[in-house]
Protein backbone atom coordinates (compact mmCIF):
# COMPACT_ATOMS: atom_id res chain seq x y z
CA UNK A 1 6.22 -38.90 1.83
CA UNK A 2 2.48 -38.23 1.58
CA UNK A 3 2.06 -39.28 5.20
CA UNK A 4 4.80 -36.85 6.28
CA UNK A 5 3.25 -34.06 4.20
CA UNK A 6 -0.15 -34.57 5.83
CA UNK A 7 1.49 -34.79 9.25
CA UNK A 8 3.36 -31.50 8.74
CA UNK A 9 0.25 -29.66 7.56
CA UNK A 10 -1.86 -31.12 10.39
CA UNK A 11 0.69 -29.72 12.81
CA UNK A 12 1.05 -26.27 11.21
CA UNK A 13 -2.51 -25.36 10.14
CA UNK A 14 -4.23 -25.54 13.58
CA UNK A 15 -1.41 -23.54 15.20
CA UNK A 16 -1.66 -20.98 12.39
CA UNK A 17 -5.39 -20.39 12.91
CA UNK A 18 -4.99 -20.27 16.69
CA UNK A 19 -2.20 -17.69 16.37
CA UNK A 20 -4.26 -15.76 13.80
CA UNK A 21 -7.16 -15.46 16.24
CA UNK A 22 -4.88 -14.25 19.02
CA UNK A 23 -3.10 -11.64 16.87
CA UNK A 24 -6.40 -10.33 15.47
CA UNK A 25 -7.72 -9.96 19.02
CA UNK A 26 -4.55 -8.12 20.11
CA UNK A 27 -4.75 -5.67 17.17
CA UNK A 28 -8.43 -5.03 17.87
CA UNK A 29 -7.73 -4.30 21.53
CA UNK A 30 -4.83 -1.98 20.63
CA UNK A 31 -7.08 -0.01 18.26
CA UNK A 32 -9.91 0.22 20.81
CA UNK A 33 -7.69 1.36 23.69
CA UNK A 34 -5.85 3.83 21.43
CA UNK A 35 -9.15 5.56 20.61
CA UNK A 36 -11.26 4.90 23.70
CA UNK A 37 -10.77 8.33 25.27
CA UNK A 38 -11.50 10.04 21.93
CA UNK A 39 -14.69 8.00 21.59
CA UNK A 40 -15.78 8.89 25.11
CA UNK A 41 -15.01 12.60 24.72
CA UNK A 42 -17.12 12.71 21.52
CA UNK A 43 -19.96 10.66 23.07
CA UNK A 44 -19.73 8.00 20.39
CA UNK A 45 -22.46 5.35 20.95
CA UNK A 46 -21.38 1.81 21.83
CA UNK A 47 -23.17 0.52 18.72
CA UNK A 48 -21.00 2.75 16.49
CA UNK A 49 -17.80 1.71 18.29
CA UNK A 50 -18.69 -1.96 17.72
CA UNK A 51 -19.41 -1.24 14.04
CA UNK A 52 -16.02 0.47 13.61
CA UNK A 53 -14.36 -2.48 15.36
CA UNK A 54 -16.19 -4.96 13.12
CA UNK A 55 -15.04 -3.27 9.90
CA UNK A 56 -11.45 -3.30 11.21
CA UNK A 57 -11.41 -7.12 11.45
CA UNK A 58 -10.38 -7.78 7.79
CA UNK A 59 -7.41 -5.39 8.11
CA UNK A 60 -6.37 -7.12 11.34
CA UNK A 61 -6.50 -10.48 9.56
CA UNK A 62 -4.34 -9.10 6.73
CA UNK A 63 -1.76 -7.79 9.21
CA UNK A 64 -1.82 -11.01 11.25
CA UNK A 65 -1.33 -13.59 8.49
CA UNK A 66 2.50 -13.18 8.19
CA UNK A 67 2.98 -13.15 11.98
CA UNK A 68 0.71 -16.15 12.46
CA UNK A 69 2.37 -18.33 9.84
CA UNK A 70 5.79 -17.34 11.22
CA UNK A 71 4.77 -18.40 14.71
CA UNK A 72 3.16 -21.63 13.49
CA UNK A 73 6.14 -22.77 11.41
CA UNK A 74 8.70 -21.78 14.06
CA UNK A 75 6.70 -23.52 16.78
CA UNK A 76 6.11 -26.75 14.85
CA UNK A 77 9.62 -27.10 13.39
CA UNK A 78 11.20 -26.17 16.72
CA UNK A 79 9.13 -28.83 18.46
CA UNK A 80 10.02 -31.42 15.81
CA UNK A 81 13.74 -30.63 16.16
CA UNK A 82 13.54 -30.80 19.97
CA UNK A 83 11.84 -34.23 19.80
CA UNK A 84 14.39 -35.47 17.23
CA UNK A 85 11.61 -36.01 14.70
CA UNK A 86 13.54 -34.02 12.12
CA UNK A 87 16.63 -36.17 12.77
CA UNK A 88 14.58 -39.29 12.02
CA UNK A 89 13.24 -37.73 8.83
CA UNK A 90 16.72 -36.74 7.63
CA UNK A 91 18.08 -40.20 8.54
CA UNK A 92 15.45 -41.80 6.31
CA UNK A 93 16.97 -39.99 3.33
CA UNK A 94 14.43 -37.19 2.97
CA UNK A 95 16.18 -33.80 2.56
CA UNK A 96 14.78 -30.66 4.14
CA UNK A 97 13.75 -29.03 0.86
CA UNK A 98 11.55 -32.03 -0.05
CA UNK A 99 10.01 -32.19 3.40
CA UNK A 100 8.95 -28.53 3.36
CA UNK A 101 7.49 -28.50 -0.19
CA UNK A 102 3.89 -29.08 1.03
CA UNK A 103 4.34 -26.28 3.53
CA UNK A 104 5.60 -23.90 0.84
CA UNK A 105 2.67 -24.82 -1.42
CA UNK A 106 0.24 -24.09 1.42
CA UNK A 107 1.91 -20.74 2.14
CA UNK A 108 1.97 -19.84 -1.56
CA UNK A 109 -1.80 -20.31 -1.82
CA UNK A 110 -2.12 -18.40 1.44
CA UNK A 111 -0.20 -15.52 -0.17
CA UNK A 112 -2.45 -15.58 -3.25
CA UNK A 113 -5.50 -15.59 -0.98
CA UNK A 114 -3.98 -12.71 0.99
CA UNK A 115 -3.58 -10.56 -2.13
CA UNK A 116 -7.18 -11.01 -3.33
CA UNK A 117 -8.53 -10.76 0.21
CA UNK A 118 -6.70 -7.44 0.58
CA UNK A 119 -7.87 -6.16 -2.82
CA UNK A 120 -11.51 -7.28 -2.64
CA UNK A 121 -12.38 -7.23 1.07
CA UNK A 122 -9.83 -5.36 3.19
CA UNK A 123 -9.82 -2.21 1.03
CA UNK A 124 -13.59 -1.79 1.18
CA UNK A 125 -13.88 -2.54 4.88
CA UNK A 126 -11.01 -0.15 5.68
CA UNK A 127 -12.68 2.67 3.72
CA UNK A 128 -15.96 2.09 5.57
CA UNK A 129 -14.16 1.89 8.91
CA UNK A 130 -12.26 5.13 8.29
CA UNK A 131 -15.37 6.96 7.08
CA UNK A 132 -17.42 5.89 10.08
CA UNK A 133 -14.58 6.74 12.44
CA UNK A 134 -14.10 10.19 10.90
CA UNK A 135 -17.85 10.85 11.11
CA UNK A 136 -18.06 9.60 14.69
CA UNK A 137 -15.12 11.77 15.78
CA UNK A 138 -16.38 14.73 13.69
CA UNK A 139 -13.17 15.18 11.75
CA UNK A 140 -13.33 17.18 8.52
CA UNK A 141 -10.64 16.76 5.89
CA UNK A 142 -9.44 20.02 4.34
CA UNK A 143 -9.06 19.55 0.58
CA UNK A 144 -8.58 23.24 -0.29
CA UNK A 145 -5.26 24.06 -1.89
CA UNK A 146 -3.01 27.09 -2.52
CA UNK A 147 -0.36 28.02 -5.09
CA UNK A 148 -1.17 25.23 -7.53
CA UNK A 149 0.81 24.26 -10.63
CA UNK A 150 -0.48 21.31 -12.65
CA UNK A 151 0.89 19.80 -15.86
CA UNK A 152 -1.66 18.13 -18.14
CA UNK A 153 -1.58 16.20 -21.40
CA UNK A 154 2.11 15.34 -21.15
CA UNK A 155 3.07 18.92 -20.28
CA UNK A 156 1.30 20.57 -23.22
CA UNK A 157 -1.13 22.37 -20.88
CA UNK A 158 0.01 24.03 -17.65
CA UNK A 159 -2.43 25.27 -15.00
CA UNK A 160 -1.42 27.84 -12.40
CA UNK A 161 -3.86 29.05 -9.74
CA UNK A 162 -3.59 30.87 -6.42
CA UNK A 163 -6.39 28.98 -4.68
CA UNK A 164 -8.71 26.02 -5.11
CA UNK A 165 -11.98 25.76 -3.18
CA UNK A 166 -12.91 22.06 -2.98
CA UNK A 167 -16.48 22.69 -1.82
CA UNK A 168 -17.33 25.02 -4.71
CA UNK A 169 -14.90 23.38 -7.14
CA UNK A 170 -13.56 26.83 -7.89
CA UNK A 171 -10.14 28.11 -8.99
CA UNK A 172 -9.01 31.68 -8.28
CA UNK A 173 -6.47 33.81 -10.21
CA UNK A 174 -5.97 31.26 -12.96
CA UNK A 175 -3.33 31.16 -15.68
CA UNK A 176 -3.46 28.40 -18.32
CA UNK A 177 -0.48 28.01 -20.67
CA UNK A 178 -0.76 26.01 -23.90
CA UNK A 179 2.31 24.57 -25.64
CA UNK A 180 2.76 22.77 -28.93
CA UNK A 181 4.31 19.31 -29.36
CA UNK A 182 7.80 20.82 -29.42
CA UNK A 183 7.21 22.67 -26.15
CA UNK A 184 6.90 26.14 -27.69
CA UNK A 185 4.40 28.64 -26.29
CA UNK A 186 1.14 28.45 -28.26
CA UNK A 187 -1.53 30.32 -26.26
CA UNK A 188 -2.23 31.83 -22.83
CA UNK A 189 -5.51 32.10 -20.95
CA UNK A 190 -5.76 34.22 -17.80
CA UNK A 191 -8.93 34.40 -15.71
CA UNK A 192 -10.12 35.84 -12.44
CA UNK A 193 -11.82 32.56 -11.57
CA UNK A 194 -12.84 29.19 -12.95
CA UNK A 195 -15.75 26.97 -11.89
CA UNK A 196 -16.25 23.30 -12.72
CA UNK A 197 -19.38 22.91 -14.85
CA UNK A 198 -20.27 19.20 -14.88
CA UNK A 199 -17.80 18.12 -17.57
CA UNK A 200 -15.49 21.10 -18.13
CA UNK A 201 -14.10 24.29 -16.63
CA UNK A 202 -15.82 27.62 -17.26
CA UNK A 203 -13.57 30.66 -16.72
CA UNK A 204 -14.72 34.22 -15.98
CA UNK A 205 -13.20 37.68 -16.57
CA UNK A 206 -10.80 36.19 -19.05
CA UNK A 207 -8.06 37.33 -21.39
CA UNK A 208 -7.14 34.84 -24.12
CA UNK A 209 -4.05 35.30 -26.31
CA UNK A 210 -2.97 33.09 -29.23
CA UNK A 211 0.48 33.15 -30.82
CA UNK A 212 0.57 34.15 -34.51
CA UNK A 213 3.70 32.68 -36.16
CA UNK A 214 3.44 35.07 -39.13
CA UNK A 215 3.58 38.27 -37.07
CA UNK A 216 5.47 36.52 -34.25
CA UNK A 217 3.15 38.22 -31.76
CA UNK A 218 0.30 37.21 -29.48
CA UNK A 219 -3.16 38.23 -30.64
CA UNK A 220 -6.15 38.60 -28.34
CA UNK A 221 -9.01 36.23 -29.13
CA UNK A 222 -12.50 35.69 -27.76
CA UNK A 223 -12.72 32.96 -25.15
CA UNK A 224 -15.55 30.40 -25.29
CA UNK A 225 -15.71 27.43 -22.87
CA UNK A 226 -17.53 25.42 -25.55
CA UNK A 227 -14.72 25.86 -28.08
CA UNK A 228 -11.74 25.78 -25.72
CA UNK A 229 -12.61 22.71 -23.66
CA UNK A 230 -10.54 22.24 -20.51
CA UNK A 231 -11.71 19.13 -18.68
CA UNK A 232 -9.02 18.43 -16.09
CA UNK A 233 -10.64 16.61 -13.18
CA UNK A 234 -11.18 18.91 -10.14
CA UNK A 235 -9.62 16.32 -7.81
CA UNK A 236 -6.25 17.06 -9.44
CA UNK A 237 -6.28 20.58 -7.97
CA UNK A 238 -7.16 19.63 -4.41
CA UNK A 239 -4.67 18.87 -1.67
CA UNK A 240 -2.88 15.63 -2.41
CA UNK A 241 -4.76 13.23 -0.14
CA UNK A 242 -4.34 10.15 -2.29
CA UNK A 243 -4.26 7.03 -0.12
CA UNK A 244 -3.34 4.01 -2.20
CA UNK A 245 -4.12 1.73 0.75
CA UNK A 246 -7.80 2.62 0.34
CA UNK A 247 -7.94 1.73 -3.37
CA UNK A 248 -8.06 -1.51 -5.29
CA UNK A 249 -5.02 -2.33 -7.42
CA UNK A 250 -6.86 -1.30 -10.60
CA UNK A 251 -8.04 2.03 -9.19
CA UNK A 252 -4.62 2.76 -7.72
CA UNK A 253 -2.96 2.20 -11.10
CA UNK A 254 -5.37 4.66 -12.78
CA UNK A 255 -4.78 7.30 -10.11
CA UNK A 256 -1.00 7.00 -10.41
CA UNK A 257 -1.21 7.32 -14.20
CA UNK A 258 -3.32 10.48 -13.85
CA UNK A 259 -0.80 11.88 -11.35
CA UNK A 260 2.01 11.23 -13.83
CA UNK A 261 0.06 12.97 -16.60
CA UNK A 262 -0.64 15.95 -14.31
CA UNK A 263 3.02 16.28 -13.34
CA UNK A 264 2.30 15.56 -9.67
CA UNK A 265 4.83 13.70 -7.47
CA UNK A 266 3.95 10.03 -7.61
CA UNK A 267 6.96 8.19 -6.13
CA UNK A 268 5.26 7.43 -2.80
CA UNK A 269 1.93 6.22 -4.26
CA UNK A 270 3.77 4.09 -6.82
CA UNK A 271 5.93 2.57 -4.06
CA UNK A 272 2.81 1.70 -2.08
CA UNK A 273 1.24 0.25 -5.22
CA UNK A 274 4.22 -2.07 -5.76
CA UNK A 275 4.23 -2.91 -2.05
CA UNK A 276 0.66 -4.19 -2.44
CA UNK A 277 2.12 -7.06 -4.47
CA UNK A 278 5.31 -7.60 -2.47
CA UNK A 279 3.44 -7.59 0.87
CA UNK A 280 1.25 -10.47 -0.31
CA UNK A 281 4.43 -12.60 -0.54
CA UNK A 282 5.53 -11.73 3.00
CA UNK A 283 4.20 -15.07 4.39
CA UNK A 284 6.59 -16.89 2.05
CA UNK A 285 9.53 -14.82 3.24
CA UNK A 286 8.81 -15.29 6.95
CA UNK A 287 8.44 -19.04 6.38
CA UNK A 288 11.81 -19.08 4.60
CA UNK A 289 13.27 -17.21 7.57
CA UNK A 290 11.73 -19.63 10.05
CA UNK A 291 12.93 -22.71 8.16
CA UNK A 292 16.44 -21.35 7.64
CA UNK A 293 17.03 -20.63 11.36
CA UNK A 294 15.12 -23.55 12.91
CA UNK A 295 17.98 -26.04 12.55
CA UNK A 296 20.71 -23.94 14.13
CA UNK A 297 20.23 -24.90 17.77
CA UNK A 298 20.62 -28.11 19.74
CA UNK A 299 19.28 -26.86 23.11
CA UNK A 300 16.03 -24.98 23.74
CA UNK A 301 15.39 -25.45 20.04
CA UNK A 302 11.75 -24.34 19.97
CA UNK A 303 12.27 -21.19 22.05
CA UNK A 304 15.49 -20.11 20.35
CA UNK A 305 14.11 -20.80 16.85
CA UNK A 306 11.04 -18.72 17.60
CA UNK A 307 13.06 -15.82 19.03
CA UNK A 308 15.55 -15.78 16.16
CA UNK A 309 12.74 -16.03 13.60
CA UNK A 310 10.97 -13.07 15.20
CA UNK A 311 14.21 -11.06 15.32
CA UNK A 312 14.94 -11.83 11.66
CA UNK A 313 11.39 -10.88 10.66
CA UNK A 314 11.67 -7.59 12.55
CA UNK A 315 14.90 -6.92 10.65
CA UNK A 316 13.03 -7.64 7.40
CA UNK A 317 10.27 -5.16 8.28
CA UNK A 318 12.84 -2.52 9.29
CA UNK A 319 14.65 -3.00 5.97
CA UNK A 320 11.34 -2.62 4.15
CA UNK A 321 10.54 0.59 6.05
CA UNK A 322 13.94 2.03 5.12
CA UNK A 323 13.67 1.17 1.43
CA UNK A 324 10.12 2.54 1.27
CA UNK A 325 11.34 5.82 2.77
CA UNK A 326 14.22 5.95 0.27
CA UNK A 327 11.72 5.36 -2.53
CA UNK A 328 9.45 8.09 -1.17
CA UNK A 329 12.37 10.54 -1.19
CA UNK A 330 13.31 9.26 -4.68
CA UNK A 331 16.78 8.03 -3.72
CA UNK A 332 15.83 4.65 -5.20
CA UNK A 333 13.10 3.60 -7.62
CA UNK A 334 9.62 2.76 -6.28
CA UNK A 335 10.03 -0.80 -7.59
CA UNK A 336 13.24 -1.31 -5.60
CA UNK A 337 11.68 0.28 -2.54
CA UNK A 338 8.97 -2.37 -2.49
CA UNK A 339 10.80 -5.43 -3.80
CA UNK A 340 14.44 -5.10 -2.67
CA UNK A 341 13.86 -6.42 0.91
CA UNK A 342 11.98 -9.42 -0.50
CA UNK A 343 14.76 -10.23 -2.97
CA UNK A 344 17.52 -9.65 -0.38
CA UNK A 345 16.01 -11.91 2.29
CA UNK A 346 15.13 -14.59 -0.25
CA UNK A 347 18.80 -14.78 -1.25
CA UNK A 348 19.99 -14.76 2.39
CA UNK A 349 17.53 -17.49 3.42
CA UNK A 350 18.46 -19.62 0.40
CA UNK A 351 22.13 -19.44 1.43
CA UNK A 352 21.32 -20.21 5.07
CA UNK A 353 19.29 -23.28 4.14
CA UNK A 354 22.40 -24.79 2.55
CA UNK A 355 24.32 -24.75 5.83
CA UNK A 356 21.66 -25.64 8.44
CA UNK A 357 21.51 -29.02 10.13
CA UNK A 358 19.76 -31.59 7.90
């Protein structure tokens, strides 16, 4: 059995790395040709184009791992079926599930590597690549915002502002509503403007009213930024440009928690956060798909297995796109949006493996 395990891995691993190199090259060429005219029209130096291309390599590797392992497993198993090697293995009393255990172990460690590679390397390189590309193409991101309503501290403080200037970190026409733990109105602060002062907001031309339960009326009080500390981070007020794909898992979790606390919509970022984990297991799913369809054919085994594996994988990605959209629109939970395709295809492949030729 050890000899067969080594033989299987010696067949799969070289094909995997060869396919990985080819897919990375294809993705790099697609990115270059998609932006070549933009680079030329902005007179971007060749050195900068090569730097942008270099920092895109880790992302290309991350994208290519599932496709490469799918191709490698489909190619090797298809070839073994076509040469009747699998028939000899089954005739010797070795079932399919035992034969593929070393392959599944290899792919599992590949998935673990993929997650940490994405979190520690791909994220940073993608941020650098995007920053250099934006600078080279002279694109400025508008973070100013209008008609803002933010909930803070579990809804006990509500901010309303007409405008937010990201460059000056300034709010215009501000209304801050304070509520007690039961949700009753406690105080109101209105201001012509508010400017971020290092650690807190300082408001100008203010009117501050506090509710007096004895008289059941609001009484005007003096406003002092040192006594009434409002320290909501300025980034909360800017246009929602949160990109979970450019954050580590830890940073993404913190951002989503702050969005929840501020009352901002967080379904899409949370779906992408969960997808970070489910995507790392994609190599396992595509290998399950490849194994489950490889024994169906008796003629043109290698070609037909590869085509059916690719078609099934495309169906998996389409299903994932649909569930992620449903999660974004809040028809299903973010968790289901990210994990349902994985669970569904795992069940389907497990059922198919019971009926394939062994």
